[in-house]
N, C-alpha and C. Protein backbone atom coordinates (compact mmCIF):
# COMPACT_ATOMS: atom_id res chain seq x y z
N MET A 1 0.84 -1.18 0.00
CA MET A 1 0.00 0.00 0.00
C MET A 1 0.89 1.24 0.00
N ALA A 2 0.55 2.22 -0.83
CA ALA A 2 1.32 3.45 -0.91
C ALA A 2 1.24 4.21 0.40
N GLU A 3 2.29 4.99 0.64
CA GLU A 3 2.33 5.81 1.84
C GLU A 3 1.18 6.81 1.79
N ARG A 4 0.33 6.79 2.84
CA ARG A 4 -0.83 7.68 2.88
C ARG A 4 -0.96 8.32 4.24
N GLN A 5 -1.47 9.53 4.23
CA GLN A 5 -1.80 10.24 5.45
C GLN A 5 -3.16 10.86 5.24
N ASN A 6 -4.16 10.42 6.01
CA ASN A 6 -5.53 10.93 5.88
C ASN A 6 -6.05 10.82 4.44
N GLY A 7 -5.78 9.69 3.79
CA GLY A 7 -6.25 9.48 2.44
C GLY A 7 -5.40 10.14 1.37
N ILE A 8 -4.37 10.86 1.76
CA ILE A 8 -3.49 11.55 0.81
C ILE A 8 -2.28 10.66 0.56
N GLU A 9 -1.92 10.51 -0.71
CA GLU A 9 -0.78 9.70 -1.11
C GLU A 9 0.40 10.63 -1.44
N ILE A 10 1.60 10.08 -1.38
CA ILE A 10 2.81 10.86 -1.66
C ILE A 10 3.51 10.28 -2.88
N ALA A 11 3.93 11.16 -3.78
CA ALA A 11 4.77 10.79 -4.92
C ALA A 11 5.99 11.69 -4.89
N THR A 12 7.14 11.15 -5.23
CA THR A 12 8.37 11.94 -5.26
C THR A 12 9.03 11.74 -6.62
N LEU A 13 9.23 12.85 -7.32
CA LEU A 13 9.73 12.81 -8.70
C LEU A 13 10.91 13.76 -8.91
N ALA A 14 11.83 13.34 -9.77
CA ALA A 14 12.96 14.18 -10.17
C ALA A 14 12.98 14.22 -11.69
N GLY A 15 13.05 15.41 -12.23
CA GLY A 15 13.08 15.55 -13.69
C GLY A 15 13.64 16.89 -14.10
N GLY A 16 14.86 17.16 -13.66
CA GLY A 16 15.46 18.46 -13.93
C GLY A 16 15.25 19.39 -12.75
N CYS A 17 15.21 20.65 -13.02
CA CYS A 17 15.07 21.67 -11.99
C CYS A 17 13.73 21.53 -11.27
N PHE A 18 13.77 21.54 -9.94
CA PHE A 18 12.53 21.37 -9.20
C PHE A 18 11.58 22.54 -9.35
N TRP A 19 12.07 23.71 -9.74
CA TRP A 19 11.17 24.85 -9.97
C TRP A 19 10.16 24.53 -11.07
N CYS A 20 10.60 23.82 -12.11
CA CYS A 20 9.72 23.47 -13.22
C CYS A 20 8.64 22.49 -12.77
N LEU A 21 9.06 21.44 -12.10
CA LEU A 21 8.11 20.41 -11.67
C LEU A 21 7.10 20.99 -10.69
N GLU A 22 7.58 21.77 -9.74
CA GLU A 22 6.68 22.34 -8.74
C GLU A 22 5.62 23.22 -9.40
N ALA A 23 6.03 24.06 -10.34
CA ALA A 23 5.10 24.97 -11.01
C ALA A 23 4.00 24.21 -11.74
N VAL A 24 4.35 23.10 -12.36
CA VAL A 24 3.36 22.30 -13.09
C VAL A 24 2.42 21.59 -12.12
N PHE A 25 2.96 20.86 -11.17
CA PHE A 25 2.12 20.05 -10.29
C PHE A 25 1.27 20.90 -9.34
N ASP A 26 1.68 22.12 -9.07
CA ASP A 26 0.84 23.03 -8.28
C ASP A 26 -0.51 23.26 -8.94
N ASP A 27 -0.56 23.17 -10.27
CA ASP A 27 -1.79 23.44 -11.04
C ASP A 27 -2.65 22.22 -11.29
N LEU A 28 -2.19 21.02 -10.91
CA LEU A 28 -2.91 19.79 -11.23
C LEU A 28 -4.00 19.52 -10.20
N LYS A 29 -5.20 19.35 -10.69
CA LYS A 29 -6.35 19.04 -9.84
C LYS A 29 -6.07 17.77 -9.05
N GLY A 30 -6.38 17.79 -7.75
CA GLY A 30 -6.15 16.64 -6.88
C GLY A 30 -4.85 16.71 -6.11
N VAL A 31 -3.96 17.62 -6.51
CA VAL A 31 -2.70 17.80 -5.80
C VAL A 31 -2.94 18.74 -4.63
N GLU A 32 -2.65 18.25 -3.44
CA GLU A 32 -2.85 19.04 -2.21
C GLU A 32 -1.68 19.98 -1.95
N SER A 33 -0.45 19.49 -2.18
CA SER A 33 0.73 20.33 -1.96
C SER A 33 1.92 19.77 -2.74
N VAL A 34 2.87 20.66 -3.01
CA VAL A 34 4.11 20.28 -3.68
C VAL A 34 5.24 20.98 -2.94
N GLU A 35 6.24 20.21 -2.55
CA GLU A 35 7.41 20.79 -1.90
C GLU A 35 8.65 20.42 -2.69
N SER A 36 9.51 21.40 -2.91
CA SER A 36 10.79 21.16 -3.56
C SER A 36 11.80 20.69 -2.52
N GLY A 37 12.64 19.75 -2.93
CA GLY A 37 13.65 19.26 -2.00
C GLY A 37 14.66 18.37 -2.69
N TYR A 38 15.27 17.52 -1.88
CA TYR A 38 16.36 16.67 -2.35
C TYR A 38 16.16 15.24 -1.85
N MET A 39 16.54 14.28 -2.69
CA MET A 39 16.45 12.87 -2.31
C MET A 39 17.47 12.10 -3.14
N GLY A 40 17.87 10.95 -2.59
CA GLY A 40 18.68 10.02 -3.35
C GLY A 40 20.17 10.13 -3.15
N GLY A 41 20.61 10.90 -2.20
CA GLY A 41 22.04 11.06 -1.97
C GLY A 41 22.50 10.50 -0.65
N SER A 42 23.77 10.71 -0.35
CA SER A 42 24.35 10.15 0.86
C SER A 42 24.60 11.19 1.94
N LEU A 43 24.64 12.43 1.61
CA LEU A 43 24.94 13.50 2.56
C LEU A 43 23.72 13.80 3.43
N GLN A 44 23.92 13.89 4.73
CA GLN A 44 22.84 14.27 5.64
C GLN A 44 22.59 15.78 5.53
N ASP A 45 21.32 16.17 5.53
CA ASP A 45 20.92 17.59 5.52
C ASP A 45 21.63 18.40 4.44
N PRO A 46 21.52 18.00 3.17
CA PRO A 46 22.21 18.73 2.11
C PRO A 46 21.61 20.12 1.91
N THR A 47 22.44 21.03 1.47
CA THR A 47 22.00 22.36 1.08
C THR A 47 21.90 22.41 -0.45
N TYR A 48 21.32 23.46 -0.95
CA TYR A 48 21.24 23.65 -2.40
C TYR A 48 22.64 23.63 -3.01
N GLU A 49 23.58 24.26 -2.35
CA GLU A 49 24.96 24.31 -2.86
C GLU A 49 25.57 22.91 -2.88
N ASP A 50 25.30 22.11 -1.85
CA ASP A 50 25.80 20.73 -1.82
C ASP A 50 25.25 19.95 -3.01
N VAL A 51 23.96 20.07 -3.24
CA VAL A 51 23.30 19.31 -4.31
C VAL A 51 23.80 19.81 -5.67
N CYS A 52 23.90 21.12 -5.84
CA CYS A 52 24.37 21.69 -7.12
C CYS A 52 25.81 21.30 -7.44
N SER A 53 26.59 20.96 -6.42
CA SER A 53 27.98 20.56 -6.67
C SER A 53 28.02 19.25 -7.45
N GLY A 54 26.92 18.49 -7.40
CA GLY A 54 26.87 17.21 -8.10
C GLY A 54 27.55 16.09 -7.34
N THR A 55 28.07 16.36 -6.15
CA THR A 55 28.82 15.34 -5.42
C THR A 55 28.03 14.72 -4.26
N SER A 56 26.88 15.27 -3.91
CA SER A 56 26.13 14.73 -2.78
C SER A 56 25.32 13.49 -3.15
N GLY A 57 25.09 13.31 -4.46
CA GLY A 57 24.30 12.18 -4.92
C GLY A 57 22.80 12.44 -4.95
N HIS A 58 22.37 13.58 -4.42
CA HIS A 58 20.94 13.89 -4.40
C HIS A 58 20.45 14.40 -5.75
N ALA A 59 19.18 14.21 -5.98
CA ALA A 59 18.50 14.81 -7.12
C ALA A 59 17.60 15.92 -6.59
N GLU A 60 17.38 16.94 -7.40
CA GLU A 60 16.35 17.92 -7.09
C GLU A 60 15.02 17.22 -7.34
N VAL A 61 14.16 17.19 -6.34
CA VAL A 61 12.88 16.48 -6.44
C VAL A 61 11.73 17.38 -6.01
N VAL A 62 10.54 16.93 -6.37
CA VAL A 62 9.34 17.48 -5.77
C VAL A 62 8.63 16.35 -5.06
N GLN A 63 8.14 16.67 -3.87
CA GLN A 63 7.33 15.70 -3.15
C GLN A 63 5.89 16.21 -3.24
N ILE A 64 5.06 15.37 -3.86
CA ILE A 64 3.69 15.73 -4.20
C ILE A 64 2.75 14.97 -3.27
N ARG A 65 1.88 15.69 -2.60
CA ARG A 65 0.81 15.09 -1.79
C ARG A 65 -0.46 15.24 -2.61
N PHE A 66 -1.10 14.08 -2.88
CA PHE A 66 -2.26 14.12 -3.76
C PHE A 66 -3.38 13.22 -3.27
N ASP A 67 -4.59 13.54 -3.70
CA ASP A 67 -5.78 12.76 -3.36
C ASP A 67 -6.00 11.76 -4.49
N PRO A 68 -5.73 10.46 -4.26
CA PRO A 68 -5.88 9.47 -5.33
C PRO A 68 -7.33 9.28 -5.77
N GLY A 69 -8.27 9.84 -5.04
CA GLY A 69 -9.66 9.81 -5.47
C GLY A 69 -9.96 10.85 -6.54
N VAL A 70 -9.03 11.81 -6.70
CA VAL A 70 -9.20 12.88 -7.69
C VAL A 70 -8.21 12.72 -8.84
N VAL A 71 -6.96 12.41 -8.51
CA VAL A 71 -5.92 12.23 -9.52
C VAL A 71 -5.11 10.98 -9.14
N SER A 72 -4.93 10.10 -10.09
CA SER A 72 -4.20 8.86 -9.82
C SER A 72 -2.70 9.06 -9.99
N LEU A 73 -1.94 8.14 -9.42
CA LEU A 73 -0.50 8.17 -9.63
C LEU A 73 -0.21 8.05 -11.13
N ARG A 74 -0.96 7.23 -11.83
CA ARG A 74 -0.75 7.08 -13.28
C ARG A 74 -0.87 8.43 -13.98
N GLU A 75 -1.88 9.21 -13.62
CA GLU A 75 -2.06 10.53 -14.25
C GLU A 75 -0.89 11.47 -13.89
N ILE A 76 -0.44 11.41 -12.65
CA ILE A 76 0.70 12.24 -12.25
C ILE A 76 1.93 11.85 -13.07
N LEU A 77 2.15 10.55 -13.25
CA LEU A 77 3.30 10.09 -14.03
C LEU A 77 3.16 10.45 -15.50
N GLU A 78 1.94 10.42 -16.04
CA GLU A 78 1.74 10.83 -17.43
C GLU A 78 2.11 12.29 -17.62
N VAL A 79 1.74 13.14 -16.68
CA VAL A 79 2.15 14.55 -16.73
C VAL A 79 3.67 14.64 -16.66
N PHE A 80 4.27 13.93 -15.73
CA PHE A 80 5.72 13.91 -15.54
C PHE A 80 6.44 13.60 -16.84
N PHE A 81 5.97 12.59 -17.57
CA PHE A 81 6.64 12.19 -18.81
C PHE A 81 6.39 13.15 -19.97
N VAL A 82 5.41 14.02 -19.85
CA VAL A 82 5.17 15.03 -20.88
C VAL A 82 6.06 16.26 -20.66
N ILE A 83 6.32 16.61 -19.40
CA ILE A 83 6.97 17.89 -19.12
C ILE A 83 8.49 17.82 -19.01
N HIS A 84 9.08 16.64 -19.15
CA HIS A 84 10.54 16.57 -19.16
C HIS A 84 10.98 15.49 -20.14
N ASP A 85 12.26 15.47 -20.45
CA ASP A 85 12.80 14.49 -21.38
C ASP A 85 13.41 13.33 -20.58
N PRO A 86 12.73 12.19 -20.54
CA PRO A 86 13.23 11.07 -19.74
C PRO A 86 14.32 10.25 -20.43
N THR A 87 14.83 10.74 -21.56
CA THR A 87 15.85 10.00 -22.31
C THR A 87 17.25 10.58 -22.13
N THR A 88 17.36 11.66 -21.37
CA THR A 88 18.67 12.28 -21.20
C THR A 88 19.21 11.95 -19.82
N LEU A 89 20.40 11.40 -19.77
CA LEU A 89 21.02 10.98 -18.52
C LEU A 89 21.68 12.19 -17.84
N ASN A 90 21.18 12.52 -16.66
CA ASN A 90 21.77 13.57 -15.83
C ASN A 90 21.70 14.97 -16.42
N TYR A 91 20.70 15.24 -17.23
CA TYR A 91 20.49 16.63 -17.63
C TYR A 91 19.11 16.84 -18.23
N GLN A 92 18.69 18.09 -18.14
CA GLN A 92 17.47 18.58 -18.78
C GLN A 92 17.82 19.95 -19.34
N GLY A 93 17.73 20.09 -20.66
CA GLY A 93 18.07 21.37 -21.27
C GLY A 93 19.49 21.77 -20.94
N ASN A 94 19.64 22.98 -20.39
CA ASN A 94 20.97 23.48 -20.04
C ASN A 94 21.41 23.08 -18.63
N ASP A 95 20.56 22.39 -17.91
CA ASP A 95 20.89 21.96 -16.55
C ASP A 95 21.57 20.59 -16.61
N HIS A 96 22.84 20.56 -16.20
CA HIS A 96 23.63 19.32 -16.28
C HIS A 96 24.12 18.89 -14.91
N GLY A 97 24.15 17.60 -14.70
CA GLY A 97 24.67 17.02 -13.46
C GLY A 97 23.69 15.98 -12.93
N PRO A 98 24.16 15.10 -12.05
CA PRO A 98 23.31 14.03 -11.53
C PRO A 98 22.12 14.56 -10.73
N GLN A 99 22.21 15.78 -10.25
CA GLN A 99 21.09 16.37 -9.50
C GLN A 99 19.89 16.64 -10.39
N TYR A 100 20.07 16.59 -11.71
CA TYR A 100 18.98 16.84 -12.67
C TYR A 100 18.50 15.57 -13.35
N ARG A 101 18.86 14.42 -12.80
CA ARG A 101 18.46 13.15 -13.41
C ARG A 101 16.95 12.95 -13.34
N SER A 102 16.48 12.07 -14.18
CA SER A 102 15.07 11.69 -14.20
C SER A 102 14.90 10.49 -13.29
N ALA A 103 14.01 10.63 -12.29
CA ALA A 103 13.82 9.54 -11.34
C ALA A 103 12.42 9.56 -10.75
N ILE A 104 11.93 8.38 -10.49
CA ILE A 104 10.68 8.19 -9.74
C ILE A 104 11.09 7.47 -8.46
N PHE A 105 10.93 8.13 -7.33
CA PHE A 105 11.25 7.56 -6.03
C PHE A 105 9.95 7.00 -5.46
N TYR A 106 9.80 5.68 -5.52
CA TYR A 106 8.52 5.08 -5.14
C TYR A 106 8.43 4.86 -3.63
N HIS A 107 7.18 4.96 -3.14
CA HIS A 107 6.89 4.83 -1.72
C HIS A 107 6.19 3.51 -1.38
N SER A 108 5.96 2.67 -2.39
CA SER A 108 5.30 1.38 -2.16
C SER A 108 5.56 0.47 -3.36
N PRO A 109 5.36 -0.84 -3.18
CA PRO A 109 5.48 -1.75 -4.32
C PRO A 109 4.49 -1.40 -5.43
N GLU A 110 3.32 -0.90 -5.05
CA GLU A 110 2.31 -0.53 -6.06
C GLU A 110 2.80 0.65 -6.91
N GLN A 111 3.43 1.62 -6.27
CA GLN A 111 3.96 2.76 -7.02
C GLN A 111 5.08 2.30 -7.95
N LYS A 112 5.93 1.41 -7.47
CA LYS A 112 7.01 0.88 -8.31
C LYS A 112 6.41 0.18 -9.54
N ALA A 113 5.43 -0.67 -9.34
CA ALA A 113 4.81 -1.40 -10.45
C ALA A 113 4.16 -0.43 -11.43
N GLU A 114 3.47 0.56 -10.92
CA GLU A 114 2.81 1.56 -11.79
C GLU A 114 3.84 2.28 -12.66
N ALA A 115 4.93 2.70 -12.06
CA ALA A 115 5.99 3.40 -12.80
C ALA A 115 6.61 2.49 -13.86
N GLU A 116 6.93 1.27 -13.47
CA GLU A 116 7.56 0.34 -14.42
C GLU A 116 6.62 -0.01 -15.57
N GLN A 117 5.34 -0.16 -15.28
CA GLN A 117 4.36 -0.47 -16.34
C GLN A 117 4.24 0.69 -17.32
N LEU A 118 4.19 1.91 -16.81
CA LEU A 118 4.07 3.07 -17.70
C LEU A 118 5.32 3.22 -18.55
N ILE A 119 6.48 3.07 -17.95
CA ILE A 119 7.73 3.17 -18.72
C ILE A 119 7.76 2.09 -19.81
N ALA A 120 7.37 0.88 -19.48
CA ALA A 120 7.34 -0.20 -20.47
C ALA A 120 6.39 0.13 -21.62
N ARG A 121 5.23 0.68 -21.29
CA ARG A 121 4.27 1.06 -22.33
C ARG A 121 4.84 2.17 -23.23
N LEU A 122 5.44 3.19 -22.63
CA LEU A 122 6.02 4.28 -23.42
C LEU A 122 7.14 3.77 -24.31
N GLU A 123 7.96 2.86 -23.78
CA GLU A 123 9.05 2.26 -24.57
C GLU A 123 8.47 1.45 -25.73
N ALA A 124 7.46 0.64 -25.45
CA ALA A 124 6.85 -0.20 -26.49
C ALA A 124 6.22 0.64 -27.59
N GLU A 125 5.65 1.77 -27.21
CA GLU A 125 5.01 2.66 -28.19
C GLU A 125 6.03 3.53 -28.92
N GLY A 126 7.29 3.52 -28.47
CA GLY A 126 8.33 4.32 -29.12
C GLY A 126 8.07 5.81 -29.02
N VAL A 127 7.43 6.23 -27.95
CA VAL A 127 7.04 7.64 -27.79
C VAL A 127 8.23 8.57 -27.92
N TRP A 128 9.36 8.21 -27.37
CA TRP A 128 10.52 9.10 -27.36
C TRP A 128 11.52 8.79 -28.47
N GLY A 129 11.45 7.61 -29.05
CA GLY A 129 12.41 7.27 -30.11
C GLY A 129 13.80 6.95 -29.58
N LYS A 130 13.99 7.08 -28.28
CA LYS A 130 15.25 6.74 -27.61
C LYS A 130 14.89 6.05 -26.31
N PRO A 131 15.81 5.29 -25.73
CA PRO A 131 15.52 4.61 -24.47
C PRO A 131 15.24 5.59 -23.33
N ILE A 132 14.29 5.24 -22.50
CA ILE A 132 13.99 6.03 -21.31
C ILE A 132 15.01 5.64 -20.23
N VAL A 133 15.64 6.65 -19.62
CA VAL A 133 16.67 6.39 -18.60
C VAL A 133 16.17 6.75 -17.19
N THR A 134 14.90 6.99 -17.04
CA THR A 134 14.32 7.34 -15.75
C THR A 134 14.58 6.22 -14.74
N GLU A 135 15.18 6.57 -13.61
CA GLU A 135 15.40 5.62 -12.53
C GLU A 135 14.07 5.37 -11.81
N VAL A 136 13.83 4.14 -11.43
CA VAL A 136 12.71 3.80 -10.55
C VAL A 136 13.38 3.20 -9.32
N THR A 137 13.37 3.95 -8.24
CA THR A 137 14.17 3.59 -7.08
C THR A 137 13.39 3.86 -5.79
N PRO A 138 13.67 3.12 -4.73
CA PRO A 138 12.93 3.35 -3.48
C PRO A 138 13.15 4.76 -2.94
N ALA A 139 12.10 5.33 -2.40
CA ALA A 139 12.21 6.65 -1.78
C ALA A 139 13.09 6.54 -0.54
N GLY A 140 13.91 7.54 -0.37
CA GLY A 140 14.74 7.64 0.83
C GLY A 140 14.27 8.84 1.64
N LYS A 141 15.16 9.36 2.43
CA LYS A 141 14.83 10.53 3.23
C LYS A 141 14.66 11.74 2.32
N PHE A 142 13.57 12.46 2.53
CA PHE A 142 13.29 13.70 1.79
C PHE A 142 13.79 14.87 2.62
N TYR A 143 14.63 15.68 1.98
CA TYR A 143 15.12 16.90 2.61
C TYR A 143 14.46 18.07 1.91
N ILE A 144 13.66 18.84 2.63
CA ILE A 144 13.00 19.98 2.01
C ILE A 144 14.04 21.03 1.66
N ALA A 145 13.89 21.63 0.49
CA ALA A 145 14.81 22.68 0.05
C ALA A 145 14.57 23.96 0.84
N GLU A 146 15.52 24.83 0.78
CA GLU A 146 15.46 26.11 1.46
C GLU A 146 14.21 26.88 1.04
N ALA A 147 13.73 27.75 1.93
CA ALA A 147 12.48 28.49 1.70
C ALA A 147 12.49 29.26 0.37
N GLY A 148 13.62 29.78 -0.02
CA GLY A 148 13.71 30.54 -1.27
C GLY A 148 13.40 29.72 -2.51
N HIS A 149 13.43 28.39 -2.40
CA HIS A 149 13.14 27.52 -3.55
C HIS A 149 11.68 27.09 -3.61
N GLN A 150 10.94 27.31 -2.54
CA GLN A 150 9.53 26.91 -2.52
C GLN A 150 8.70 27.94 -3.29
N GLU A 151 7.81 27.45 -4.15
CA GLU A 151 6.94 28.32 -4.96
C GLU A 151 7.76 29.36 -5.73
N TYR A 152 8.93 28.95 -6.19
CA TYR A 152 9.86 29.87 -6.84
C TYR A 152 9.25 30.53 -8.07
N TYR A 153 8.65 29.73 -8.94
CA TYR A 153 8.07 30.28 -10.16
C TYR A 153 6.92 31.24 -9.86
N GLU A 154 6.09 30.87 -8.91
CA GLU A 154 4.96 31.73 -8.55
C GLU A 154 5.45 33.09 -8.05
N ARG A 155 6.55 33.11 -7.32
CA ARG A 155 7.08 34.35 -6.76
C ARG A 155 7.98 35.11 -7.73
N ASN A 156 8.50 34.42 -8.76
CA ASN A 156 9.49 35.03 -9.67
C ASN A 156 9.17 34.77 -11.14
N PRO A 157 7.95 35.02 -11.60
CA PRO A 157 7.60 34.65 -12.98
C PRO A 157 8.40 35.40 -14.05
N TYR A 158 8.97 36.54 -13.70
CA TYR A 158 9.71 37.32 -14.70
C TYR A 158 11.22 37.16 -14.59
N GLN A 159 11.67 36.27 -13.71
CA GLN A 159 13.08 35.95 -13.63
C GLN A 159 13.43 35.26 -14.95
N PRO A 160 14.58 35.59 -15.58
CA PRO A 160 14.90 35.03 -16.90
C PRO A 160 14.80 33.51 -17.01
N TYR A 161 15.31 32.75 -16.05
CA TYR A 161 15.22 31.28 -16.11
C TYR A 161 13.76 30.86 -16.13
N CYS A 162 12.95 31.49 -15.30
CA CYS A 162 11.53 31.15 -15.26
C CYS A 162 10.85 31.45 -16.59
N MET A 163 11.18 32.57 -17.18
CA MET A 163 10.56 32.94 -18.46
C MET A 163 11.00 32.01 -19.59
N MET A 164 12.27 31.60 -19.59
CA MET A 164 12.79 30.81 -20.70
C MET A 164 12.63 29.30 -20.52
N VAL A 165 12.60 28.81 -19.28
CA VAL A 165 12.58 27.37 -19.04
C VAL A 165 11.28 26.92 -18.36
N VAL A 166 10.91 27.57 -17.27
CA VAL A 166 9.75 27.11 -16.51
C VAL A 166 8.46 27.41 -17.26
N GLU A 167 8.28 28.63 -17.72
CA GLU A 167 7.03 29.03 -18.38
C GLU A 167 6.67 28.14 -19.57
N PRO A 168 7.61 27.79 -20.47
CA PRO A 168 7.23 26.89 -21.57
C PRO A 168 6.74 25.53 -21.09
N LYS A 169 7.31 25.00 -20.02
CA LYS A 169 6.85 23.71 -19.49
C LYS A 169 5.45 23.84 -18.89
N VAL A 170 5.21 24.93 -18.18
CA VAL A 170 3.89 25.17 -17.60
C VAL A 170 2.87 25.32 -18.73
N ALA A 171 3.21 26.07 -19.76
CA ALA A 171 2.30 26.27 -20.90
C ALA A 171 2.00 24.95 -21.61
N LYS A 172 3.02 24.13 -21.80
CA LYS A 172 2.84 22.82 -22.44
C LYS A 172 1.89 21.96 -21.62
N PHE A 173 2.10 21.93 -20.30
CA PHE A 173 1.23 21.18 -19.40
C PHE A 173 -0.21 21.69 -19.49
N ARG A 174 -0.38 22.99 -19.39
CA ARG A 174 -1.73 23.56 -19.38
C ARG A 174 -2.47 23.26 -20.68
N LYS A 175 -1.76 23.30 -21.79
CA LYS A 175 -2.37 23.03 -23.09
C LYS A 175 -2.78 21.56 -23.20
N LYS A 176 -1.92 20.65 -22.81
CA LYS A 176 -2.17 19.23 -22.96
C LYS A 176 -3.16 18.68 -21.94
N PHE A 177 -3.18 19.26 -20.74
CA PHE A 177 -4.00 18.74 -19.65
C PHE A 177 -5.03 19.76 -19.16
N LEU A 178 -5.61 20.50 -20.09
CA LEU A 178 -6.53 21.58 -19.77
C LEU A 178 -7.63 21.15 -18.81
N GLY A 179 -8.20 19.98 -19.02
CA GLY A 179 -9.30 19.50 -18.18
C GLY A 179 -8.89 19.08 -16.79
N LYS A 180 -7.59 19.04 -16.52
CA LYS A 180 -7.11 18.60 -15.21
C LYS A 180 -6.52 19.74 -14.37
N LEU A 181 -6.76 20.98 -14.82
CA LEU A 181 -6.22 22.14 -14.10
C LEU A 181 -7.11 22.51 -12.91
N LYS A 182 -6.48 23.01 -11.86
CA LYS A 182 -7.23 23.48 -10.69
C LYS A 182 -8.02 24.74 -11.02
N ARG A 183 -7.41 25.61 -11.80
CA ARG A 183 -8.03 26.92 -12.07
C ARG A 183 -8.67 26.96 -13.43
């Protein structure tokens, strides 16, 4: 059984810069909250600088709390695979390093199976034309990122990175998943 608190399930995803993922999942109907943070490394209590160094082993992640009665893990993963390139090892766009890897950190055997089934289907359909390199790995300790990284896009929509990288991903999500938006 997936990790749940009061009927809310948790998903943890890495797919490049966490600002992009957070901005998209904040708009998805059924998502209760999204927190940016770090997972998958060996260093205790990593900072943004530690993670950006590429030596801590952590990925930039978002931890999503969602109501599975409104949005399923499958739907969350379908959004995830639309908004990032799961075929690039350790980078997304101009962001390079292991902290930008594509990963699904599962919280239960059911989440692992769901992720593996979706990846197998996408591979069989040849959606990307290249092998998917997304890691499917057990969730470890989640370290919440510093306050300045939470709701970054919402607070800084005119920052150049947000305008050039985050906004196009948000627009792509909104166009493709119009019926699943909160607003």
